[in-house]
Amino acid sequence: MGLLARVGSLRAVVAVTVGFIALNMILVVLGNITDYGTNEAFVRHVLAMDTTFGTELKWRAITSPAVVTIVYVAIIAWEAISAVLLTAGTIAYLRDKEDSARKFASAGLLMIVALFLGGFITIGGEWFAMWQSKDWNGIGAALRMVTIAGFALILVHLTPRRATP
């Protein structure tokens, strides 16, 4: 198979896509660790619901510093695990280990969907009414991550076309 055919193959497309998502998650983790205070403030304000309007939902608010720390550290750990899985998937794609690559990539991408759709959009956005906040609303960024990860999951699970003789 020629170089151009390999570069344009589904495996190459998936490897590059998964690889850049892995890099993105590595940078997200690095940012969350090196700029801990800013990103912890985001979690603290969302959980505290202190920038949302109305009072009917405020009973859901969590203001415990210990709980905020646990939630934030859990988010960072979840993101780090997804980055490791995606990196392993990328390496497996590059080494032509299709089954392992698909499993690692799928697990990492599913973790991203779970975090950003389940955690940020559903729990943060709806339960803690993050959508109401002008200052601490991460729904747009979360939707971007869900869209990218969902697109990549589709790519990962496409069956490559076999060349006809």
Protein backbone atom coordinates (compact mmCIF):
# COMPACT_ATOMS: atom_id res chain seq x y z
CA MET A 1 0.00 0.00 0.00
CA GLY A 2 1.39 3.39 -0.95
CA LEU A 3 2.11 6.15 1.53
CA LEU A 4 -0.81 8.28 0.33
CA ALA A 5 -3.23 5.38 0.73
CA ARG A 6 -1.98 4.75 4.27
CA VAL A 7 -2.18 8.42 5.23
CA GLY A 8 -5.72 8.63 3.86
CA SER A 9 -6.89 5.40 5.45
CA LEU A 10 -9.59 5.23 8.10
CA ARG A 11 -7.02 3.99 10.61
CA ALA A 12 -4.84 7.05 10.00
CA VAL A 13 -7.83 9.38 10.28
CA VAL A 14 -8.89 7.77 13.55
CA ALA A 15 -5.33 7.72 14.92
CA VAL A 16 -4.90 11.44 14.25
CA THR A 17 -8.34 12.33 15.64
CA VAL A 18 -7.91 10.24 18.79
CA GLY A 19 -4.36 11.53 19.16
CA PHE A 20 -5.42 15.16 19.13
CA ILE A 21 -8.24 14.46 21.58
CA ALA A 22 -5.66 12.75 23.82
CA LEU A 23 -3.42 15.82 23.55
CA ASN A 24 -6.39 18.06 24.34
CA MET A 25 -7.18 16.06 27.47
CA ILE A 26 -3.53 16.11 28.54
CA LEU A 27 -3.58 19.91 28.21
CA VAL A 28 -6.89 20.10 30.11
CA VAL A 29 -5.38 18.09 32.98
CA LEU A 30 -2.22 20.20 32.93
CA GLY A 31 -4.32 23.38 33.02
CA ASN A 32 -6.49 22.10 35.86
CA ILE A 33 -3.41 21.25 37.90
CA THR A 34 -1.25 24.30 37.13
CA ASP A 35 -4.16 26.76 37.36
CA TYR A 36 -5.84 24.93 40.21
CA GLY A 37 -7.38 28.00 41.86
CA THR A 38 -9.16 29.34 38.78
CA ASN A 39 -10.61 26.01 37.80
CA GLU A 40 -11.48 25.08 41.38
CA ALA A 41 -13.38 28.38 41.60
CA PHE A 42 -15.47 27.27 38.63
CA VAL A 43 -16.46 24.04 40.39
CA ARG A 44 -17.04 25.89 43.69
CA HIS A 45 -19.37 28.48 42.11
CA VAL A 46 -21.32 25.92 40.09
CA LEU A 47 -21.88 23.72 43.15
CA ALA A 48 -22.70 26.73 45.36
CA MET A 49 -25.19 28.06 42.79
CA ASP A 50 -24.19 31.54 43.95
CA THR A 51 -24.44 33.15 40.52
CA THR A 52 -27.76 31.62 39.45
CA PHE A 53 -31.03 33.52 39.53
CA GLY A 54 -34.10 32.54 41.50
CA THR A 55 -34.25 30.82 44.85
CA GLU A 56 -36.43 27.77 44.21
CA LEU A 57 -33.50 25.49 43.36
CA LYS A 58 -30.96 26.77 45.90
CA TRP A 59 -31.66 23.80 48.21
CA ARG A 60 -29.49 21.80 45.80
CA ALA A 61 -26.42 23.96 46.45
CA ILE A 62 -23.27 22.43 47.94
CA THR A 63 -20.93 24.81 49.76
CA SER A 64 -18.71 22.41 51.67
CA PRO A 65 -15.04 23.10 50.79
CA ALA A 66 -14.26 19.41 51.31
CA VAL A 67 -16.93 18.31 48.83
CA VAL A 68 -15.74 20.91 46.30
CA THR A 69 -12.18 19.59 46.59
CA ILE A 70 -13.32 15.97 46.24
CA VAL A 71 -15.42 16.79 43.16
CA TYR A 72 -12.64 18.82 41.54
CA VAL A 73 -9.93 16.22 42.19
CA ALA A 74 -12.28 13.51 40.88
CA ILE A 75 -12.81 15.53 37.67
CA ILE A 76 -9.05 15.89 37.19
CA ALA A 77 -8.48 12.18 37.84
CA TRP A 78 -11.27 11.24 35.40
CA GLU A 79 -9.76 13.51 32.74
CA ALA A 80 -6.27 12.07 33.36
CA ILE A 81 -7.51 8.49 33.00
CA SER A 82 -9.28 9.39 29.75
CA ALA A 83 -6.07 11.01 28.48
CA VAL A 84 -4.08 7.85 29.28
CA LEU A 85 -6.64 5.62 27.54
CA LEU A 86 -6.72 7.87 24.46
CA THR A 87 -2.93 7.99 24.32
CA ALA A 88 -2.80 4.19 24.54
CA GLY A 89 -5.42 4.00 21.78
CA THR A 90 -3.41 6.33 19.56
CA ILE A 91 -0.24 4.31 20.06
CA ALA A 92 -2.12 1.08 19.34
CA TYR A 93 -3.53 2.56 16.11
CA LEU A 94 -0.03 3.60 15.05
CA ARG A 95 1.26 0.08 15.81
CA ASP A 96 -1.57 -1.46 13.76
CA LYS A 97 -3.21 -3.10 16.81
CA GLU A 98 -6.76 -2.35 15.68
CA ASP A 99 -8.71 -4.27 18.36
CA SER A 100 -6.71 -2.85 21.28
CA ALA A 101 -6.79 0.61 19.73
CA ARG A 102 -10.56 0.56 19.36
CA LYS A 103 -11.04 -0.60 22.97
CA PHE A 104 -8.71 2.00 24.47
CA ALA A 105 -10.05 4.82 22.29
CA SER A 106 -13.68 3.86 22.95
CA ALA A 107 -13.13 3.77 26.71
CA GLY A 108 -11.38 7.15 26.73
CA LEU A 109 -13.97 8.77 24.48
CA LEU A 110 -16.84 7.33 26.49
CA MET A 111 -15.26 8.80 29.63
CA ILE A 112 -15.23 12.22 27.94
CA VAL A 113 -18.89 11.88 26.97
CA ALA A 114 -19.80 10.76 30.49
CA LEU A 115 -17.90 13.64 32.10
CA PHE A 116 -19.05 16.44 29.84
CA LEU A 117 -22.59 15.24 29.00
CA GLY A 118 -23.34 13.53 32.29
CA GLY A 119 -21.27 15.66 34.65
CA PHE A 120 -21.17 19.14 33.18
CA ILE A 121 -24.30 19.43 31.00
CA THR A 122 -26.68 17.21 32.99
CA ILE A 123 -25.56 17.53 36.61
CA GLY A 124 -23.84 20.92 36.46
CA GLY A 125 -26.13 22.45 33.86
CA GLU A 126 -29.48 21.19 35.05
CA TRP A 127 -29.16 20.03 38.66
CA PHE A 128 -26.98 22.97 39.71
CA ALA A 129 -28.57 25.33 37.13
CA MET A 130 -25.21 26.30 35.65
CA TRP A 131 -27.07 27.45 32.52
CA GLN A 132 -28.38 30.40 34.57
CA SER A 133 -24.92 31.76 35.37
CA LYS A 134 -23.37 34.45 33.19
CA ASP A 135 -20.00 34.03 34.93
CA TRP A 136 -19.67 30.28 35.55
CA ASN A 137 -21.42 28.60 32.62
CA GLY A 138 -19.43 25.79 31.04
CA ILE A 139 -22.20 24.29 28.92
CA GLY A 140 -20.76 25.59 25.63
CA ALA A 141 -17.33 24.10 26.31
CA ALA A 142 -18.91 20.85 27.52
CA LEU A 143 -21.07 20.61 24.40
CA ARG A 144 -17.97 21.12 22.27
CA MET A 145 -16.24 18.20 24.03
CA VAL A 146 -19.30 15.93 23.74
CA THR A 147 -19.57 16.72 20.03
CA ILE A 148 -15.88 16.03 19.37
CA ALA A 149 -15.84 12.83 21.41
CA GLY A 150 -19.11 11.64 19.86
CA PHE A 151 -17.76 12.25 16.35
CA ALA A 152 -14.58 10.36 17.23
CA LEU A 153 -16.60 7.45 18.67
CA ILE A 154 -18.39 7.14 15.34
CA LEU A 155 -15.06 7.13 13.50
CA VAL A 156 -13.62 4.54 15.87
CA HIS A 157 -16.54 2.19 15.25
CA LEU A 158 -16.71 2.51 11.48
CA THR A 159 -15.73 -0.63 9.66
CA PRO A 160 -12.89 0.05 7.23
CA ARG A 161 -13.60 -0.69 3.58
CA ARG A 162 -11.63 -3.59 2.24
CA ALA A 163 -9.86 -3.11 -1.06
CA THR A 164 -11.34 -5.12 -3.89
CA PRO A 165 -8.94 -7.12 -6.07
